[in-house]
Each structure stands twice: as C-alpha cells, then as structure tokens.
C-alpha cells in the first residue's frame, strides 16, 4: 500500500506541539473534500478499515496538496504545491513555508518522487511511492 520515508521534526506555530516523524506505513493519493484537488498522503498509521484511501483519525501524516493531477516535474511550495504536517486525521500541525516536491514518475497506479520542506519550526525531507487507490 505505497510507502516512503519522512525524516525530520516540525512544531506548531505556537510551539505547543512538536513531532518527529517515524515510520511511514502507507502512502496513497486521496482528494481534498472541499476543493477536490489531489493530495499525496504519507501516513504513520494503518488504515482504520483496511481501505486504501481512508484517513486515520489518530497520529501524524504529511499531506502534499497539488492543484491538479500529479505529473513528473518539480513543484514549489507556495506556488504549485502545499505541504502540511497533520495530526489526528486532518488537523493542521504546521504548513510548509518553502521547499520542493519532485515527482519522478506518475502512472495510473503509483507516483514516485522526493521532497524537501521547510516549516516555521522545523523541516522534513524524504521520498515517496504513493499508491493510486482504485
């Protein structure tokens, strides 16, 4: 069910919550319920119901929000992608202030690439192999 790695630590803007990312157990593409734009999600928690695109309600994840269908290329935070460290489902912990997402390949079943994100308090780097849910 997809995979990847997230290395680094981020804190909320208020500094009251800090999280060092651990093992990514699944990575999948989902869609923002408000804007219907694609979201590449790297999650530390298993699916609560076993389904590919179900968001866990506890724990932490990294969401990479794109304005349109993923394609090979480099995306810049702030202009063509939004990076969001989330906690307990989809509550925003911190939003990336700069960085890039590089998609090496995007097929009908998998999206591969890497990222380097800077936050107000922290940074995250890693790679991804995101499963496209049926």
C-alpha atoms as a PDB file:
ATOM      1  CA  UNK A   1       0.000   0.000   0.000  1.00  0.00           C
ATOM      2  CA  UNK A   2       2.582   2.564  -1.021  1.00  0.00           C
ATOM      3  CA  UNK A   3       5.366   3.764   1.203  1.00  0.00           C
ATOM      4  CA  UNK A   4       8.151   6.227   1.654  1.00  0.00           C
ATOM      5  CA  UNK A   5      10.112   7.976   4.330  1.00  0.00           C
ATOM      6  CA  UNK A   6       9.768  11.246   6.227  1.00  0.00           C
ATOM      7  CA  UNK A   7      12.780  12.481   8.163  1.00  0.00           C
ATOM      8  CA  UNK A   8      12.687  15.495  10.438  1.00  0.00           C
ATOM      9  CA  UNK A   9      10.795  17.309  13.142  1.00  0.00           C
ATOM     10  CA  UNK A  10       8.138  20.031  12.986  1.00  0.00           C
ATOM     11  CA  UNK A  11       6.406  22.120  15.637  1.00  0.00           C
ATOM     12  CA  UNK A  12       3.165  24.043  15.595  1.00  0.00           C
ATOM     13  CA  UNK A  13       3.495  27.823  15.095  1.00  0.00           C
ATOM     14  CA  UNK A  14       2.717  28.263  18.809  1.00  0.00           C
ATOM     15  CA  UNK A  15       5.379  25.713  19.749  1.00  0.00           C
ATOM     16  CA  UNK A  16       2.950  23.728  21.907  1.00  0.00           C
ATOM     17  CA  UNK A  17       3.089  20.538  19.780  1.00  0.00           C
ATOM     18  CA  UNK A  18       6.274  19.026  18.331  1.00  0.00           C
ATOM     19  CA  UNK A  19       6.503  15.835  16.316  1.00  0.00           C
ATOM     20  CA  UNK A  20       9.442  13.844  14.963  1.00  0.00           C
ATOM     21  CA  UNK A  21       8.186  11.700  12.106  1.00  0.00           C
ATOM     22  CA  UNK A  22       8.562   7.946  12.384  1.00  0.00           C
ATOM     23  CA  UNK A  23       7.950   5.025  10.056  1.00  0.00           C
ATOM     24  CA  UNK A  24       5.551   5.598   7.172  1.00  0.00           C
ATOM     25  CA  UNK A  25       3.264   2.555   6.993  1.00  0.00           C
ATOM     26  CA  UNK A  26       1.259   3.617   3.938  1.00  0.00           C
ATOM     27  CA  UNK A  27       1.169   6.271   1.239  1.00  0.00           C
ATOM     28  CA  UNK A  28      -1.785   6.945  -1.023  1.00  0.00           C
ATOM     29  CA  UNK A  29      -3.475   9.541  -3.185  1.00  0.00           C
ATOM     30  CA  UNK A  30      -6.732  10.975  -1.923  1.00  0.00           C
ATOM     31  CA  UNK A  31      -8.687  14.141  -2.733  1.00  0.00           C
ATOM     32  CA  UNK A  32      -9.360  17.225  -0.625  1.00  0.00           C
ATOM     33  CA  UNK A  33     -13.052  17.067   0.345  1.00  0.00           C
ATOM     34  CA  UNK A  34     -13.502  20.841  -0.070  1.00  0.00           C
ATOM     35  CA  UNK A  35     -11.570  21.534  -3.273  1.00  0.00           C
ATOM     36  CA  UNK A  36     -11.440  18.056  -4.915  1.00  0.00           C
ATOM     37  CA  UNK A  37      -7.713  18.544  -5.592  1.00  0.00           C
ATOM     38  CA  UNK A  38      -5.266  15.614  -5.322  1.00  0.00           C
ATOM     39  CA  UNK A  39      -3.449  15.038  -2.035  1.00  0.00           C
ATOM     40  CA  UNK A  40      -0.429  12.730  -1.709  1.00  0.00           C
ATOM     41  CA  UNK A  41      -0.605  11.422   1.857  1.00  0.00           C
ATOM     42  CA  UNK A  42       2.206   9.733   3.803  1.00  0.00           C
ATOM     43  CA  UNK A  43       0.753   8.244   6.971  1.00  0.00           C
ATOM     44  CA  UNK A  44       2.291   6.813  10.154  1.00  0.00           C
ATOM     45  CA  UNK A  45      -0.933   4.934  10.992  1.00  0.00           C
ATOM     46  CA  UNK A  46      -2.508   1.908   9.306  1.00  0.00           C
ATOM     47  CA  UNK A  47      -5.883   2.294   7.653  1.00  0.00           C
ATOM     48  CA  UNK A  48      -8.649   2.091  10.270  1.00  0.00           C
ATOM     49  CA  UNK A  49     -10.837  -0.001   7.950  1.00  0.00           C
ATOM     50  CA  UNK A  50      -8.281  -1.549   5.589  1.00  0.00           C
ATOM     51  CA  UNK A  51      -9.348   0.643   2.667  1.00  0.00           C
ATOM     52  CA  UNK A  52      -6.694   2.403   0.608  1.00  0.00           C
ATOM     53  CA  UNK A  53      -7.883   5.992   0.925  1.00  0.00           C
ATOM     54  CA  UNK A  54      -9.270   6.065   4.461  1.00  0.00           C
ATOM     55  CA  UNK A  55      -7.623   8.683   6.650  1.00  0.00           C
ATOM     56  CA  UNK A  56      -6.574   7.588  10.148  1.00  0.00           C
ATOM     57  CA  UNK A  57      -8.144   9.691  12.903  1.00  0.00           C
ATOM     58  CA  UNK A  58      -5.138   9.475  15.236  1.00  0.00           C
ATOM     59  CA  UNK A  59      -1.429  10.043  14.769  1.00  0.00           C
ATOM     60  CA  UNK A  60       0.516  12.129  12.275  1.00  0.00           C
ATOM     61  CA  UNK A  61       0.801  12.333   8.493  1.00  0.00           C
ATOM     62  CA  UNK A  62       2.277  14.518   5.775  1.00  0.00           C
ATOM     63  CA  UNK A  63      -0.098  15.811   3.104  1.00  0.00           C
ATOM     64  CA  UNK A  64       1.217  17.222  -0.185  1.00  0.00           C
ATOM     65  CA  UNK A  65      -1.653  19.097  -1.844  1.00  0.00           C
ATOM     66  CA  UNK A  66      -1.435  19.631  -5.605  1.00  0.00           C
ATOM     67  CA  UNK A  67      -3.570  21.941  -7.757  1.00  0.00           C
ATOM     68  CA  UNK A  68      -4.143  19.292 -10.450  1.00  0.00           C
ATOM     69  CA  UNK A  69      -3.319  15.693 -11.399  1.00  0.00           C
ATOM     70  CA  UNK A  70       0.266  14.742 -10.457  1.00  0.00           C
ATOM     71  CA  UNK A  71       2.778  14.666 -13.320  1.00  0.00           C
ATOM     72  CA  UNK A  72       6.556  14.297 -13.468  1.00  0.00           C
ATOM     73  CA  UNK A  73       8.349  17.523 -12.584  1.00  0.00           C
ATOM     74  CA  UNK A  74       9.367  19.842  -9.756  1.00  0.00           C
ATOM     75  CA  UNK A  75       6.708  21.614  -7.682  1.00  0.00           C
ATOM     76  CA  UNK A  76       7.494  24.617  -5.470  1.00  0.00           C
ATOM     77  CA  UNK A  77       5.882  25.195  -2.073  1.00  0.00           C
ATOM     78  CA  UNK A  78       3.642  28.235  -2.209  1.00  0.00           C
ATOM     79  CA  UNK A  79       3.129  28.294  -5.957  1.00  0.00           C
ATOM     80  CA  UNK A  80       2.375  24.754  -7.132  1.00  0.00           C
ATOM     81  CA  UNK A  81       2.130  22.559  -4.015  1.00  0.00           C
ATOM     82  CA  UNK A  82       1.212  22.924  -0.341  1.00  0.00           C
ATOM     83  CA  UNK A  83       2.930  20.792   2.300  1.00  0.00           C
ATOM     84  CA  UNK A  84       1.018  20.196   5.524  1.00  0.00           C
ATOM     85  CA  UNK A  85       2.120  18.226   8.582  1.00  0.00           C
ATOM     86  CA  UNK A  86      -1.139  16.982  10.103  1.00  0.00           C
ATOM     87  CA  UNK A  87      -2.148  15.401  13.398  1.00  0.00           C
ATOM     88  CA  UNK A  88      -5.161  13.299  14.408  1.00  0.00           C
ATOM     89  CA  UNK A  89      -6.568  12.941  10.921  1.00  0.00           C
ATOM     90  CA  UNK A  90      -6.580  16.212   9.049  1.00  0.00           C
ATOM     91  CA  UNK A  91      -5.900  18.839  11.758  1.00  0.00           C
ATOM     92  CA  UNK A  92      -3.049  21.060  10.561  1.00  0.00           C
ATOM     93  CA  UNK A  93       0.014  20.970  12.796  1.00  0.00           C
ATOM     94  CA  UNK A  94       2.210  23.111  10.519  1.00  0.00           C
ATOM     95  CA  UNK A  95       2.204  24.356   6.925  1.00  0.00           C
ATOM     96  CA  UNK A  96       5.432  24.397   4.908  1.00  0.00           C
ATOM     97  CA  UNK A  97       6.836  27.859   4.181  1.00  0.00           C
ATOM     98  CA  UNK A  98       9.253  26.806   1.418  1.00  0.00           C
ATOM     99  CA  UNK A  99      10.683  23.788  -0.344  1.00  0.00           C
ATOM    100  CA  UNK A 100      10.046  21.470  -3.254  1.00  0.00           C
ATOM    101  CA  UNK A 101       8.307  18.266  -4.265  1.00  0.00           C
ATOM    102  CA  UNK A 102       9.895  16.381  -7.158  1.00  0.00           C
ATOM    103  CA  UNK A 103       7.748  13.790  -8.913  1.00  0.00           C
ATOM    104  CA  UNK A 104       9.950  11.380 -10.839  1.00  0.00           C
ATOM    105  CA  UNK A 105       7.140   9.285 -12.309  1.00  0.00           C
ATOM    106  CA  UNK A 106       3.344   9.342 -12.221  1.00  0.00           C
ATOM    107  CA  UNK A 107       1.404   6.372 -13.584  1.00  0.00           C
ATOM    108  CA  UNK A 108      -2.149   5.157 -13.134  1.00  0.00           C
ATOM    109  CA  UNK A 109      -1.048   3.010 -10.168  1.00  0.00           C
ATOM    110  CA  UNK A 110       1.854   4.830  -8.452  1.00  0.00           C
ATOM    111  CA  UNK A 111       3.542   8.222  -8.011  1.00  0.00           C
ATOM    112  CA  UNK A 112       7.223   8.270  -7.028  1.00  0.00           C
ATOM    113  CA  UNK A 113       9.452  11.139  -6.010  1.00  0.00           C
ATOM    114  CA  UNK A 114      11.058  13.084  -3.172  1.00  0.00           C
ATOM    115  CA  UNK A 115      10.551  16.261  -1.156  1.00  0.00           C
ATOM    116  CA  UNK A 116      12.388  18.799   0.985  1.00  0.00           C
ATOM    117  CA  UNK A 117      10.140  21.087   3.047  1.00  0.00           C
ATOM    118  CA  UNK A 118      10.883  23.944   5.445  1.00  0.00           C
ATOM    119  CA  UNK A 119       8.431  24.961   8.163  1.00  0.00           C
ATOM    120  CA  UNK A 120       8.419  27.925  10.552  1.00  0.00           C
ATOM    121  CA  UNK A 121       9.726  25.492  13.180  1.00  0.00           C
ATOM    122  CA  UNK A 122      11.440  22.532  11.546  1.00  0.00           C
ATOM    123  CA  UNK A 123      11.995  20.726   8.274  1.00  0.00           C
ATOM    124  CA  UNK A 124      11.039  17.443   6.609  1.00  0.00           C
ATOM    125  CA  UNK A 125      12.765  15.520   3.817  1.00  0.00           C
ATOM    126  CA  UNK A 126      12.072  12.151   2.293  1.00  0.00           C
ATOM    127  CA  UNK A 127      10.852  10.069  -0.584  1.00  0.00           C
ATOM    128  CA  UNK A 128       7.519   8.650  -1.624  1.00  0.00           C
ATOM    129  CA  UNK A 129       5.918   5.836  -3.572  1.00  0.00           C
ATOM    130  CA  UNK A 130       2.243   6.773  -3.432  1.00  0.00           C
ATOM    131  CA  UNK A 131      -0.406   4.209  -4.334  1.00  0.00           C
ATOM    132  CA  UNK A 132      -3.291   5.342  -6.520  1.00  0.00           C
ATOM    133  CA  UNK A 133      -6.413   3.980  -4.838  1.00  0.00           C
ATOM    134  CA  UNK A 134      -8.836   2.066  -7.063  1.00  0.00           C
END
